[in-house]
């Protein structure tokens, strides 16, 4: 490792955005192709998202813990399209805040309101996942 890399503190965020260590996520975010866009269907939300397949699956499963129905991920534009008019205009926005997940990121292409809702659902899903994991490890260590 070069000396310059060892001396520089490693930050998870650069310019307000998370560092992307996943090559496939970086590739998906740089892509100008429409094939890179997937669609997250969660309750009444249809949100276009950019990321690699692995991180999209992880994100979808975590968000799925916050819904009574299932969270689905489509690789094609849904038949009903994107219902929210502001979300339809989101691809033309210059800012797209990323959500860090493991060593990659998810970039929802949504209006600020729906972006906040997705972030909140993801955070709630992470808390639920941690609680379930803690409960399972406690049960496994305890006597049944």
C-alpha atoms as a PDB file:
ATOM      1  CA  UNK A   1       0.000   0.000   0.000  1.00  0.00           C
ATOM      2  CA  UNK A   2       1.464   3.415  -0.917  1.00  0.00           C
ATOM      3  CA  UNK A   3       2.395   5.662   2.016  1.00  0.00           C
ATOM      4  CA  UNK A   4      -0.089   8.317   0.881  1.00  0.00           C
ATOM      5  CA  UNK A   5      -2.964   5.805   1.185  1.00  0.00           C
ATOM      6  CA  UNK A   6      -1.923   4.793   4.704  1.00  0.00           C
ATOM      7  CA  UNK A   7      -1.756   8.380   5.950  1.00  0.00           C
ATOM      8  CA  UNK A   8      -5.069   9.495   4.521  1.00  0.00           C
ATOM      9  CA  UNK A   9      -7.974   8.718   6.867  1.00  0.00           C
ATOM     10  CA  UNK A  10     -10.549   6.480   5.249  1.00  0.00           C
ATOM     11  CA  UNK A  11     -13.981   8.024   5.164  1.00  0.00           C
ATOM     12  CA  UNK A  12     -17.239   6.342   4.269  1.00  0.00           C
ATOM     13  CA  UNK A  13     -18.434   9.594   2.707  1.00  0.00           C
ATOM     14  CA  UNK A  14     -16.886  11.904   0.134  1.00  0.00           C
ATOM     15  CA  UNK A  15     -18.585  15.164  -0.778  1.00  0.00           C
ATOM     16  CA  UNK A  16     -21.656  14.079   1.197  1.00  0.00           C
ATOM     17  CA  UNK A  17     -21.952  10.818  -0.742  1.00  0.00           C
ATOM     18  CA  UNK A  18     -20.870   7.372   0.473  1.00  0.00           C
ATOM     19  CA  UNK A  19     -17.686   5.826  -0.902  1.00  0.00           C
ATOM     20  CA  UNK A  20     -18.577   3.059  -3.350  1.00  0.00           C
ATOM     21  CA  UNK A  21     -16.285   0.062  -2.974  1.00  0.00           C
ATOM     22  CA  UNK A  22     -18.384  -2.235  -5.165  1.00  0.00           C
ATOM     23  CA  UNK A  23     -17.182  -2.156  -8.776  1.00  0.00           C
ATOM     24  CA  UNK A  24     -20.552  -3.348 -10.094  1.00  0.00           C
ATOM     25  CA  UNK A  25     -22.380  -0.536  -8.257  1.00  0.00           C
ATOM     26  CA  UNK A  26     -19.961   2.038  -9.676  1.00  0.00           C
ATOM     27  CA  UNK A  27     -20.534   0.624 -13.143  1.00  0.00           C
ATOM     28  CA  UNK A  28     -24.326   0.729 -12.765  1.00  0.00           C
ATOM     29  CA  UNK A  29     -24.237   4.346 -11.554  1.00  0.00           C
ATOM     30  CA  UNK A  30     -21.999   5.464 -14.421  1.00  0.00           C
ATOM     31  CA  UNK A  31     -24.145   3.740 -17.020  1.00  0.00           C
ATOM     32  CA  UNK A  32     -26.322   5.944 -19.182  1.00  0.00           C
ATOM     33  CA  UNK A  33     -28.344   2.945 -20.349  1.00  0.00           C
ATOM     34  CA  UNK A  34     -31.925   2.433 -19.264  1.00  0.00           C
ATOM     35  CA  UNK A  35     -31.091  -1.269 -18.681  1.00  0.00           C
ATOM     36  CA  UNK A  36     -29.239  -0.258 -15.495  1.00  0.00           C
ATOM     37  CA  UNK A  37     -32.490   0.976 -13.906  1.00  0.00           C
ATOM     38  CA  UNK A  38     -34.567  -1.441 -11.838  1.00  0.00           C
ATOM     39  CA  UNK A  39     -37.892  -0.704 -10.194  1.00  0.00           C
ATOM     40  CA  UNK A  40     -38.685  -1.262  -6.525  1.00  0.00           C
ATOM     41  CA  UNK A  41     -42.359  -1.989  -5.880  1.00  0.00           C
ATOM     42  CA  UNK A  42     -43.158  -1.472  -2.217  1.00  0.00           C
ATOM     43  CA  UNK A  43     -46.773  -1.062  -1.148  1.00  0.00           C
ATOM     44  CA  UNK A  44     -48.061   1.894  -3.187  1.00  0.00           C
ATOM     45  CA  UNK A  45     -44.578   3.052  -4.257  1.00  0.00           C
ATOM     46  CA  UNK A  46     -42.911   2.417  -7.593  1.00  0.00           C
ATOM     47  CA  UNK A  47     -39.383   3.781  -7.413  1.00  0.00           C
ATOM     48  CA  UNK A  48     -36.644   3.463 -10.033  1.00  0.00           C
ATOM     49  CA  UNK A  49     -33.326   2.488  -8.408  1.00  0.00           C
ATOM     50  CA  UNK A  50     -29.727   2.149  -9.576  1.00  0.00           C
ATOM     51  CA  UNK A  51     -27.249  -0.349  -8.139  1.00  0.00           C
ATOM     52  CA  UNK A  52     -25.775  -3.766  -8.792  1.00  0.00           C
ATOM     53  CA  UNK A  53     -27.966  -6.875  -8.589  1.00  0.00           C
ATOM     54  CA  UNK A  54     -26.534  -8.071  -5.250  1.00  0.00           C
ATOM     55  CA  UNK A  55     -27.097  -4.784  -3.437  1.00  0.00           C
ATOM     56  CA  UNK A  56     -30.528  -4.346  -5.016  1.00  0.00           C
ATOM     57  CA  UNK A  57     -31.568  -7.765  -3.701  1.00  0.00           C
ATOM     58  CA  UNK A  58     -30.228  -6.975  -0.214  1.00  0.00           C
ATOM     59  CA  UNK A  59     -31.950  -3.574  -0.196  1.00  0.00           C
ATOM     60  CA  UNK A  60     -35.247  -5.069  -1.380  1.00  0.00           C
ATOM     61  CA  UNK A  61     -35.185  -7.809   1.263  1.00  0.00           C
ATOM     62  CA  UNK A  62     -34.464  -5.286   4.045  1.00  0.00           C
ATOM     63  CA  UNK A  63     -37.230  -2.944   2.815  1.00  0.00           C
ATOM     64  CA  UNK A  64     -39.518  -5.981   2.594  1.00  0.00           C
ATOM     65  CA  UNK A  65     -39.409  -6.237   6.393  1.00  0.00           C
ATOM     66  CA  UNK A  66     -41.396  -2.971   6.591  1.00  0.00           C
ATOM     67  CA  UNK A  67     -44.413  -3.997   4.539  1.00  0.00           C
ATOM     68  CA  UNK A  68     -47.334  -6.350   4.940  1.00  0.00           C
ATOM     69  CA  UNK A  69     -47.119  -7.335   1.285  1.00  0.00           C
ATOM     70  CA  UNK A  70     -43.910  -8.299  -0.466  1.00  0.00           C
ATOM     71  CA  UNK A  71     -41.295  -5.932  -1.814  1.00  0.00           C
ATOM     72  CA  UNK A  72     -40.649  -6.714  -5.461  1.00  0.00           C
ATOM     73  CA  UNK A  73     -37.833  -5.772  -7.779  1.00  0.00           C
ATOM     74  CA  UNK A  74     -38.420  -5.538 -11.523  1.00  0.00           C
ATOM     75  CA  UNK A  75     -35.795  -5.312 -14.248  1.00  0.00           C
ATOM     76  CA  UNK A  76     -38.327  -3.739 -16.625  1.00  0.00           C
ATOM     77  CA  UNK A  77     -40.619  -0.735 -16.468  1.00  0.00           C
ATOM     78  CA  UNK A  78     -43.805  -1.690 -14.584  1.00  0.00           C
ATOM     79  CA  UNK A  79     -47.056  -1.742 -16.527  1.00  0.00           C
ATOM     80  CA  UNK A  80     -48.584   1.039 -14.442  1.00  0.00           C
ATOM     81  CA  UNK A  81     -45.515   3.221 -14.779  1.00  0.00           C
ATOM     82  CA  UNK A  82     -44.443   5.645 -12.092  1.00  0.00           C
ATOM     83  CA  UNK A  83     -47.520   7.170 -10.493  1.00  0.00           C
ATOM     84  CA  UNK A  84     -45.967  10.157  -8.671  1.00  0.00           C
ATOM     85  CA  UNK A  85     -45.491  13.103 -11.093  1.00  0.00           C
ATOM     86  CA  UNK A  86     -42.504  14.378  -9.082  1.00  0.00           C
ATOM     87  CA  UNK A  87     -40.836  10.944  -9.218  1.00  0.00           C
ATOM     88  CA  UNK A  88     -41.317  10.950 -12.991  1.00  0.00           C
ATOM     89  CA  UNK A  89     -39.284  14.172 -13.129  1.00  0.00           C
ATOM     90  CA  UNK A  90     -36.594  12.913 -10.714  1.00  0.00           C
ATOM     91  CA  UNK A  91     -34.284  11.561 -13.477  1.00  0.00           C
ATOM     92  CA  UNK A  92     -33.793  15.161 -14.608  1.00  0.00           C
ATOM     93  CA  UNK A  93     -32.626  16.299 -11.168  1.00  0.00           C
ATOM     94  CA  UNK A  94     -28.926  16.968 -10.697  1.00  0.00           C
ATOM     95  CA  UNK A  95     -28.875  15.551  -7.154  1.00  0.00           C
ATOM     96  CA  UNK A  96     -29.464  11.907  -6.389  1.00  0.00           C
ATOM     97  CA  UNK A  97     -28.631  11.068  -2.773  1.00  0.00           C
ATOM     98  CA  UNK A  98     -27.277   7.559  -2.357  1.00  0.00           C
ATOM     99  CA  UNK A  99     -28.131   5.095   0.398  1.00  0.00           C
ATOM    100  CA  UNK A 100     -25.104   3.077   1.565  1.00  0.00           C
ATOM    101  CA  UNK A 101     -25.616  -0.666   1.865  1.00  0.00           C
ATOM    102  CA  UNK A 102     -22.662  -2.850   2.799  1.00  0.00           C
ATOM    103  CA  UNK A 103     -19.813  -1.925   0.408  1.00  0.00           C
ATOM    104  CA  UNK A 104     -22.115  -0.501  -2.266  1.00  0.00           C
ATOM    105  CA  UNK A 105     -24.935   1.986  -2.647  1.00  0.00           C
ATOM    106  CA  UNK A 106     -28.508   2.218  -3.839  1.00  0.00           C
ATOM    107  CA  UNK A 107     -29.595   5.363  -5.649  1.00  0.00           C
ATOM    108  CA  UNK A 108     -33.368   5.812  -5.653  1.00  0.00           C
ATOM    109  CA  UNK A 109     -34.471   8.048  -8.509  1.00  0.00           C
ATOM    110  CA  UNK A 110     -37.377   9.587  -6.648  1.00  0.00           C
ATOM    111  CA  UNK A 111     -38.786  12.866  -5.440  1.00  0.00           C
ATOM    112  CA  UNK A 112     -37.513  14.089  -2.052  1.00  0.00           C
ATOM    113  CA  UNK A 113     -40.656  12.897  -0.241  1.00  0.00           C
ATOM    114  CA  UNK A 114     -40.483   9.343  -1.583  1.00  0.00           C
ATOM    115  CA  UNK A 115     -36.692   9.249  -1.214  1.00  0.00           C
ATOM    116  CA  UNK A 116     -37.139  10.072   2.482  1.00  0.00           C
ATOM    117  CA  UNK A 117     -39.808   7.394   2.807  1.00  0.00           C
ATOM    118  CA  UNK A 118     -37.540   4.769   1.225  1.00  0.00           C
ATOM    119  CA  UNK A 119     -34.646   5.760   3.508  1.00  0.00           C
ATOM    120  CA  UNK A 120     -36.945   5.557   6.544  1.00  0.00           C
ATOM    121  CA  UNK A 121     -38.255   2.128   5.492  1.00  0.00           C
ATOM    122  CA  UNK A 122     -34.721   0.886   4.916  1.00  0.00           C
ATOM    123  CA  UNK A 123     -33.610   2.132   8.363  1.00  0.00           C
ATOM    124  CA  UNK A 124     -36.660   0.515   9.989  1.00  0.00           C
ATOM    125  CA  UNK A 125     -35.963  -2.701   8.081  1.00  0.00           C
ATOM    126  CA  UNK A 126     -32.342  -2.706   9.318  1.00  0.00           C
ATOM    127  CA  UNK A 127     -33.534  -2.279  12.917  1.00  0.00           C
ATOM    128  CA  UNK A 128     -36.042  -5.101  12.471  1.00  0.00           C
ATOM    129  CA  UNK A 129     -33.362  -7.324  10.930  1.00  0.00           C
ATOM    130  CA  UNK A 130     -31.005  -6.636  13.859  1.00  0.00           C
ATOM    131  CA  UNK A 131     -33.746  -7.411  16.394  1.00  0.00           C
ATOM    132  CA  UNK A 132     -34.648 -10.650  14.637  1.00  0.00           C
ATOM    133  CA  UNK A 133     -30.988 -11.663  14.420  1.00  0.00           C
ATOM    134  CA  UNK A 134     -30.450 -10.850  18.112  1.00  0.00           C
ATOM    135  CA  UNK A 135     -33.571 -12.827  19.063  1.00  0.00           C
ATOM    136  CA  UNK A 136     -32.402 -15.831  17.051  1.00  0.00           C
ATOM    137  CA  UNK A 137     -28.916 -15.792  18.574  1.00  0.00           C
ATOM    138  CA  UNK A 138     -30.367 -15.463  22.087  1.00  0.00           C
ATOM    139  CA  UNK A 139     -32.745 -18.363  21.445  1.00  0.00           C
ATOM    140  CA  UNK A 140     -29.967 -20.484  19.954  1.00  0.00           C
ATOM    141  CA  UNK A 141     -27.718 -19.868  22.988  1.00  0.00           C
ATOM    142  CA  UNK A 142     -30.498 -20.417  25.522  1.00  0.00           C
ATOM    143  CA  UNK A 143     -32.062 -23.714  26.430  1.00  0.00           C
ATOM    144  CA  UNK A 144     -35.258 -24.736  24.716  1.00  0.00           C
END
